[in-house]
Structure formats: structure tokens, C-alpha cells
Amino acid sequence: MANESKKEAFRKYLESSGVLDALTKVLVALYEENEKPSVAIEFIQHSLGGPTTSEYVKLQAEKAELQSKYQGLLASHEKTCSELEKLRNPSTHREQENDEPIYSKES
């Protein structure tokens, strides 16, 4: 009995959120197609606004390329920030590089 009420609540949720309407429209459109697509799931995905499989693969490749560029730019940025810090505080960095304190001749 509890299982039936869960199913009914879920059905009402799907109906109120417009999911049932959207799926019905897509399935009717697929049914009315004169030439049925070879891959029905792609038709459904495209009808609901999602990318086709080939578009998805293309987007994944573009994402990987952008992630690679981002990593390169991030590394370049970190290197530039490090160089800038060395220019701002040259004595601090010389001490760290040589592990010896730098003393001025005036001491």
C-alpha cells in the first residue's frame, strides 16, 4: 500500500513539473515521423534540447582542450607571480635560494 502511494506521489510530481507532457509530445513527434530515425534515443535527446551523441563527443573534446589550455595558463600565471614576488623582495629570495643570510656591508 505504501508502495502504491509512493508511485502515485511520483506520478503527480512528474505531471505537475511538466515531465509527462514533454515526454508525451516527444513520443508523439517520434511516432509521427515518416522516416523513423535509426537511433531513437538521439531523436528524443535532441527533441528535449540535449546534444546528439556526435555533438556531445565534440563538446567533450572541446572541454578537454580548454582544460589543457587552462592548466597551461595557470602554470604560466603561477610562474609569473613567483617572478614578480622575487622582483618585489629580492633580498628575501636570495636568502632562500642560498640558505645563507645576506648581510649588508654597513653592518
N, C-alpha and C. Protein backbone atom coordinates (compact mmCIF):
# COMPACT_ATOMS: atom_id res chain seq x y z
N MET A 1 0.83 -1.19 0.00
CA MET A 1 0.00 0.00 0.00
C MET A 1 0.88 1.26 0.00
N ALA A 2 1.94 1.27 0.81
CA ALA A 2 2.84 2.42 0.86
C ALA A 2 3.54 2.60 -0.49
N ASN A 3 3.82 1.46 -1.13
CA ASN A 3 4.47 1.49 -2.43
C ASN A 3 3.57 2.17 -3.47
N GLU A 4 2.29 1.88 -3.43
CA GLU A 4 1.33 2.48 -4.35
C GLU A 4 1.23 3.99 -4.13
N SER A 5 1.25 4.42 -2.89
CA SER A 5 1.17 5.85 -2.61
C SER A 5 2.43 6.58 -3.06
N LYS A 6 3.59 5.91 -2.96
CA LYS A 6 4.83 6.49 -3.46
C LYS A 6 4.77 6.65 -4.97
N LYS A 7 4.26 5.63 -5.65
CA LYS A 7 4.14 5.69 -7.11
C LYS A 7 3.19 6.82 -7.52
N GLU A 8 2.09 6.93 -6.83
CA GLU A 8 1.11 7.97 -7.14
C GLU A 8 1.69 9.36 -6.89
N ALA A 9 2.42 9.52 -5.80
CA ALA A 9 3.06 10.80 -5.49
C ALA A 9 4.09 11.16 -6.56
N PHE A 10 4.83 10.16 -7.01
CA PHE A 10 5.83 10.39 -8.06
C PHE A 10 5.16 10.76 -9.37
N ARG A 11 4.07 10.08 -9.71
CA ARG A 11 3.33 10.39 -10.94
C ARG A 11 2.82 11.83 -10.89
N LYS A 12 2.29 12.23 -9.75
CA LYS A 12 1.79 13.60 -9.59
C LYS A 12 2.94 14.61 -9.74
N TYR A 13 4.07 14.26 -9.18
CA TYR A 13 5.26 15.12 -9.30
C TYR A 13 5.65 15.29 -10.76
N LEU A 14 5.73 14.17 -11.50
CA LEU A 14 6.09 14.23 -12.92
C LEU A 14 5.08 15.05 -13.71
N GLU A 15 3.82 14.88 -13.38
CA GLU A 15 2.77 15.61 -14.08
C GLU A 15 2.84 17.10 -13.76
N SER A 16 2.98 17.47 -12.51
CA SER A 16 3.00 18.88 -12.12
C SER A 16 4.24 19.61 -12.61
N SER A 17 5.34 18.88 -12.78
CA SER A 17 6.58 19.52 -13.24
C SER A 17 6.68 19.58 -14.76
N GLY A 18 5.71 19.00 -15.46
CA GLY A 18 5.69 19.08 -16.92
C GLY A 18 6.45 17.98 -17.62
N VAL A 19 6.98 17.04 -16.87
CA VAL A 19 7.77 15.96 -17.47
C VAL A 19 6.89 15.07 -18.34
N LEU A 20 5.73 14.68 -17.84
CA LEU A 20 4.85 13.80 -18.61
C LEU A 20 4.43 14.46 -19.91
N ASP A 21 4.11 15.75 -19.86
CA ASP A 21 3.73 16.49 -21.07
C ASP A 21 4.86 16.49 -22.09
N ALA A 22 6.07 16.80 -21.63
CA ALA A 22 7.22 16.88 -22.52
C ALA A 22 7.51 15.53 -23.16
N LEU A 23 7.50 14.48 -22.36
CA LEU A 23 7.77 13.14 -22.89
C LEU A 23 6.68 12.70 -23.87
N THR A 24 5.44 13.01 -23.55
CA THR A 24 4.33 12.65 -24.44
C THR A 24 4.49 13.35 -25.78
N LYS A 25 4.81 14.64 -25.76
CA LYS A 25 4.99 15.40 -27.01
C LYS A 25 6.13 14.81 -27.85
N VAL A 26 7.23 14.48 -27.20
CA VAL A 26 8.38 13.92 -27.92
C VAL A 26 8.03 12.56 -28.52
N LEU A 27 7.36 11.71 -27.74
CA LEU A 27 6.99 10.38 -28.25
C LEU A 27 5.97 10.47 -29.38
N VAL A 28 5.05 11.42 -29.29
CA VAL A 28 4.09 11.63 -30.38
C VAL A 28 4.83 12.10 -31.63
N ALA A 29 5.78 13.03 -31.46
CA ALA A 29 6.56 13.50 -32.60
C ALA A 29 7.35 12.36 -33.24
N LEU A 30 7.91 11.50 -32.43
CA LEU A 30 8.64 10.33 -32.95
C LEU A 30 7.69 9.40 -33.69
N TYR A 31 6.53 9.18 -33.14
CA TYR A 31 5.52 8.32 -33.77
C TYR A 31 5.09 8.89 -35.12
N GLU A 32 4.98 10.21 -35.21
CA GLU A 32 4.51 10.86 -36.43
C GLU A 32 5.59 11.05 -37.48
N GLU A 33 6.83 10.76 -37.15
CA GLU A 33 7.92 10.85 -38.12
C GLU A 33 7.69 9.85 -39.24
N ASN A 34 7.75 10.34 -40.48
CA ASN A 34 7.58 9.44 -41.62
C ASN A 34 8.77 8.49 -41.73
N GLU A 35 9.96 9.05 -41.61
CA GLU A 35 11.17 8.23 -41.65
C GLU A 35 11.72 8.16 -40.22
N LYS A 36 11.55 7.04 -39.63
CA LYS A 36 11.99 6.86 -38.23
C LYS A 36 13.51 6.97 -38.16
N PRO A 37 14.00 7.69 -37.17
CA PRO A 37 15.46 7.80 -37.00
C PRO A 37 16.06 6.45 -36.63
N SER A 38 17.29 6.24 -37.07
CA SER A 38 17.95 4.96 -36.77
C SER A 38 18.25 4.82 -35.28
N VAL A 39 18.47 5.95 -34.61
CA VAL A 39 18.75 5.94 -33.18
C VAL A 39 17.68 6.80 -32.50
N ALA A 40 16.66 6.14 -31.99
CA ALA A 40 15.52 6.85 -31.41
C ALA A 40 15.91 7.70 -30.21
N ILE A 41 16.85 7.21 -29.42
CA ILE A 41 17.24 7.95 -28.22
C ILE A 41 17.84 9.31 -28.58
N GLU A 42 18.58 9.38 -29.70
CA GLU A 42 19.13 10.66 -30.14
C GLU A 42 18.02 11.62 -30.54
N PHE A 43 16.98 11.09 -31.19
CA PHE A 43 15.82 11.91 -31.55
C PHE A 43 15.20 12.49 -30.29
N ILE A 44 15.04 11.67 -29.29
CA ILE A 44 14.42 12.10 -28.03
C ILE A 44 15.31 13.14 -27.34
N GLN A 45 16.61 12.86 -27.27
CA GLN A 45 17.54 13.80 -26.64
C GLN A 45 17.51 15.15 -27.34
N HIS A 46 17.56 15.12 -28.66
CA HIS A 46 17.56 16.36 -29.45
C HIS A 46 16.24 17.10 -29.27
N SER A 47 15.14 16.37 -29.26
CA SER A 47 13.82 17.00 -29.09
C SER A 47 13.67 17.66 -27.73
N LEU A 48 14.33 17.11 -26.72
CA LEU A 48 14.25 17.68 -25.38
C LEU A 48 15.30 18.78 -25.16
N GLY A 49 16.09 19.06 -26.21
CA GLY A 49 17.05 20.15 -26.12
C GLY A 49 18.46 19.75 -25.80
N GLY A 50 18.71 18.47 -25.70
CA GLY A 50 20.06 18.00 -25.40
C GLY A 50 20.87 17.81 -26.67
N PRO A 51 22.17 17.66 -26.53
CA PRO A 51 23.01 17.45 -27.70
C PRO A 51 22.88 16.01 -28.22
N THR A 52 23.14 15.85 -29.51
CA THR A 52 23.20 14.50 -30.06
C THR A 52 24.50 13.86 -29.59
N THR A 53 24.65 12.59 -29.86
CA THR A 53 25.87 11.89 -29.43
C THR A 53 27.10 12.52 -30.06
N SER A 54 27.03 12.83 -31.36
CA SER A 54 28.19 13.43 -32.03
C SER A 54 28.48 14.83 -31.48
N GLU A 55 27.43 15.59 -31.17
CA GLU A 55 27.63 16.91 -30.56
C GLU A 55 28.26 16.76 -29.17
N TYR A 56 27.81 15.75 -28.44
CA TYR A 56 28.34 15.50 -27.10
C TYR A 56 29.83 15.16 -27.16
N VAL A 57 30.20 14.31 -28.10
CA VAL A 57 31.61 13.93 -28.26
C VAL A 57 32.44 15.16 -28.61
N LYS A 58 31.91 15.99 -29.50
CA LYS A 58 32.60 17.22 -29.89
C LYS A 58 32.76 18.16 -28.69
N LEU A 59 31.72 18.28 -27.89
CA LEU A 59 31.79 19.13 -26.70
C LEU A 59 32.79 18.59 -25.68
N GLN A 60 32.86 17.26 -25.54
CA GLN A 60 33.82 16.65 -24.62
C GLN A 60 35.25 16.95 -25.07
N ALA A 61 35.50 16.87 -26.39
CA ALA A 61 36.83 17.16 -26.92
C ALA A 61 37.18 18.63 -26.69
N GLU A 62 36.21 19.51 -26.92
CA GLU A 62 36.43 20.93 -26.69
C GLU A 62 36.71 21.20 -25.22
N LYS A 63 35.99 20.52 -24.35
CA LYS A 63 36.19 20.68 -22.90
C LYS A 63 37.61 20.26 -22.51
N ALA A 64 38.06 19.12 -23.04
CA ALA A 64 39.41 18.63 -22.73
C ALA A 64 40.47 19.62 -23.21
N GLU A 65 40.26 20.17 -24.40
CA GLU A 65 41.21 21.14 -24.95
C GLU A 65 41.25 22.40 -24.07
N LEU A 66 40.08 22.87 -23.66
CA LEU A 66 40.03 24.06 -22.81
C LEU A 66 40.64 23.81 -21.44
N GLN A 67 40.45 22.60 -20.89
CA GLN A 67 41.06 22.27 -19.61
C GLN A 67 42.59 22.27 -19.72
N SER A 68 43.09 21.76 -20.85
CA SER A 68 44.53 21.73 -21.07
C SER A 68 45.08 23.16 -21.18
N LYS A 69 44.38 24.01 -21.93
CA LYS A 69 44.81 25.41 -22.05
C LYS A 69 44.77 26.09 -20.69
N TYR A 70 43.73 25.81 -19.93
CA TYR A 70 43.61 26.40 -18.59
C TYR A 70 44.79 25.99 -17.71
N GLN A 71 45.16 24.72 -17.73
CA GLN A 71 46.28 24.26 -16.91
C GLN A 71 47.57 24.96 -17.32
N GLY A 72 47.77 25.14 -18.64
CA GLY A 72 48.95 25.85 -19.13
C GLY A 72 48.97 27.30 -18.67
N LEU A 73 47.82 27.95 -18.78
CA LEU A 73 47.73 29.34 -18.35
C LEU A 73 47.91 29.47 -16.84
N LEU A 74 47.38 28.53 -16.10
CA LEU A 74 47.53 28.55 -14.65
C LEU A 74 49.01 28.41 -14.26
N ALA A 75 49.70 27.50 -14.90
CA ALA A 75 51.13 27.31 -14.62
C ALA A 75 51.91 28.57 -14.97
N SER A 76 51.59 29.17 -16.11
CA SER A 76 52.25 30.40 -16.53
C SER A 76 51.98 31.52 -15.54
N HIS A 77 50.75 31.61 -15.08
CA HIS A 77 50.37 32.63 -14.10
C HIS A 77 51.14 32.44 -12.80
N GLU A 78 51.22 31.21 -12.33
CA GLU A 78 51.94 30.95 -11.08
C GLU A 78 53.42 31.30 -11.21
N LYS A 79 54.00 30.98 -12.37
CA LYS A 79 55.41 31.30 -12.61
C LYS A 79 55.61 32.82 -12.62
N THR A 80 54.71 33.52 -13.29
CA THR A 80 54.80 34.98 -13.35
C THR A 80 54.64 35.60 -11.97
N CYS A 81 53.71 35.08 -11.19
CA CYS A 81 53.53 35.58 -9.83
C CYS A 81 54.77 35.35 -8.99
N SER A 82 55.39 34.21 -9.15
CA SER A 82 56.62 33.90 -8.41
C SER A 82 57.74 34.86 -8.82
N GLU A 83 57.88 35.10 -10.12
CA GLU A 83 58.90 36.02 -10.60
C GLU A 83 58.64 37.44 -10.10
N LEU A 84 57.38 37.83 -10.08
CA LEU A 84 57.02 39.16 -9.58
C LEU A 84 57.37 39.28 -8.10
N GLU A 85 57.09 38.23 -7.36
CA GLU A 85 57.41 38.24 -5.92
C GLU A 85 58.92 38.36 -5.71
N LYS A 86 59.70 37.69 -6.55
CA LYS A 86 61.16 37.78 -6.44
C LYS A 86 61.64 39.19 -6.74
N LEU A 87 61.02 39.84 -7.70
CA LEU A 87 61.40 41.21 -8.03
C LEU A 87 61.00 42.18 -6.93
N ARG A 88 59.91 41.93 -6.27
CA ARG A 88 59.44 42.81 -5.19
C ARG A 88 60.31 42.66 -3.94
N ASN A 89 60.77 41.45 -3.66
CA ASN A 89 61.55 41.17 -2.45
C ASN A 89 62.82 40.40 -2.81
N PRO A 90 63.76 41.05 -3.48
CA PRO A 90 64.95 40.29 -3.94
C PRO A 90 65.81 39.76 -2.80
N SER A 91 65.93 40.48 -1.70
CA SER A 91 66.81 40.00 -0.62
C SER A 91 66.23 38.76 0.05
N THR A 92 64.93 38.70 0.22
CA THR A 92 64.29 37.55 0.84
C THR A 92 64.52 36.30 -0.01
N HIS A 93 64.40 36.46 -1.31
CA HIS A 93 64.55 35.30 -2.18
C HIS A 93 66.00 34.86 -2.32
N ARG A 94 66.93 35.79 -2.24
CA ARG A 94 68.34 35.39 -2.31
C ARG A 94 68.70 34.55 -1.08
N GLU A 95 68.18 34.94 0.08
CA GLU A 95 68.45 34.17 1.30
C GLU A 95 67.90 32.76 1.18
N GLN A 96 66.71 32.65 0.62
CA GLN A 96 66.08 31.34 0.50
C GLN A 96 66.83 30.48 -0.51
N GLU A 97 67.30 31.08 -1.60
CA GLU A 97 68.00 30.32 -2.63
C GLU A 97 69.35 29.82 -2.14
N ASN A 98 70.08 30.66 -1.39
CA ASN A 98 71.42 30.31 -0.94
C ASN A 98 71.44 29.68 0.43
N ASP A 99 70.35 29.72 1.13
CA ASP A 99 70.26 29.26 2.51
C ASP A 99 71.25 29.98 3.41
N GLU A 100 71.70 31.14 2.97
CA GLU A 100 72.60 31.94 3.78
C GLU A 100 72.02 33.34 3.88
N PRO A 101 72.07 33.94 5.03
CA PRO A 101 71.56 35.31 5.14
C PRO A 101 72.43 36.29 4.37
N ILE A 102 71.84 37.30 3.85
CA ILE A 102 72.54 38.36 3.14
C ILE A 102 72.76 39.50 4.14
N TYR A 103 74.01 39.89 4.31
CA TYR A 103 74.33 40.98 5.22
C TYR A 103 74.84 42.15 4.41
N SER A 104 74.42 43.31 4.81
CA SER A 104 74.93 44.48 4.09
C SER A 104 76.33 44.80 4.61
N LYS A 105 77.10 45.53 3.83
CA LYS A 105 78.48 45.87 4.19
C LYS A 105 78.50 46.92 5.31
N GLU A 106 77.37 47.56 5.51
CA GLU A 106 77.31 48.60 6.52
C GLU A 106 77.26 48.03 7.92
N SER A 107 76.98 46.76 8.13
CA SER A 107 76.86 46.16 9.45
C SER A 107 78.16 46.09 10.18
